[in-house]
Amino acid sequence: MILHKIFHLHMSVDQARHRLANVQAYRHRLTDIEQVDFSGEGTSHWRVRLPFGFKAEFMLTDVCSDHGAPGWLFKSIEGNVETLGTVSFHAVRPDLAEVELLMNYEICSPLWRALDAVFHLGERFVVKQLRGLRRHFESQATTVRGPARVLAHRMTAATT
């Protein structure tokens, strides 16, 4: 399954990247993230809780210095779901950053795959986490064009 989500933050790309990289500031808003460990310069290990008791673990790596464009790459390392994806940042205007999430995931369980086909569990999980980010930025008095509203119009999901 491929998920593509876009949302906008009213701040520069550098500010958006810096604020999103500060996971500890908003970690409490991401209710299904069990643990985030920083294992080195630009690398973190994430453990997430999925619906129906499923779990996934992935590594997130900062790829800004390697490719010149700000962004992150993530890949699953353990769990019931195999993921590979990117988070990239684009300047719409100097004061408006577009954050793009592109994720490919494969569900290892036939039950979860069937449930996902009917209930779009992967998409719901991602949207729920983005809503947590939105609440964080709103509580920090940062204007956010909401992920749920923008994503509803700028999201694609397709099976592969």
Foldseek 3Di string as FASTA:
>chain_A
DKKKFKWKFQAALVVVLVVVVPCVLLVVLLVFWPDWAADDVQKIKTWGAFPPRWIWIKMKGFCCVVPVFGKIWMFTDDTQKTKTWMWGWDPPDRRMIMIMIIMDMDGNDPVVVVVCVVPVRVVVSVLSRQVSVVVSCVVVVTDIPGRVVRRVVVMDDDDD
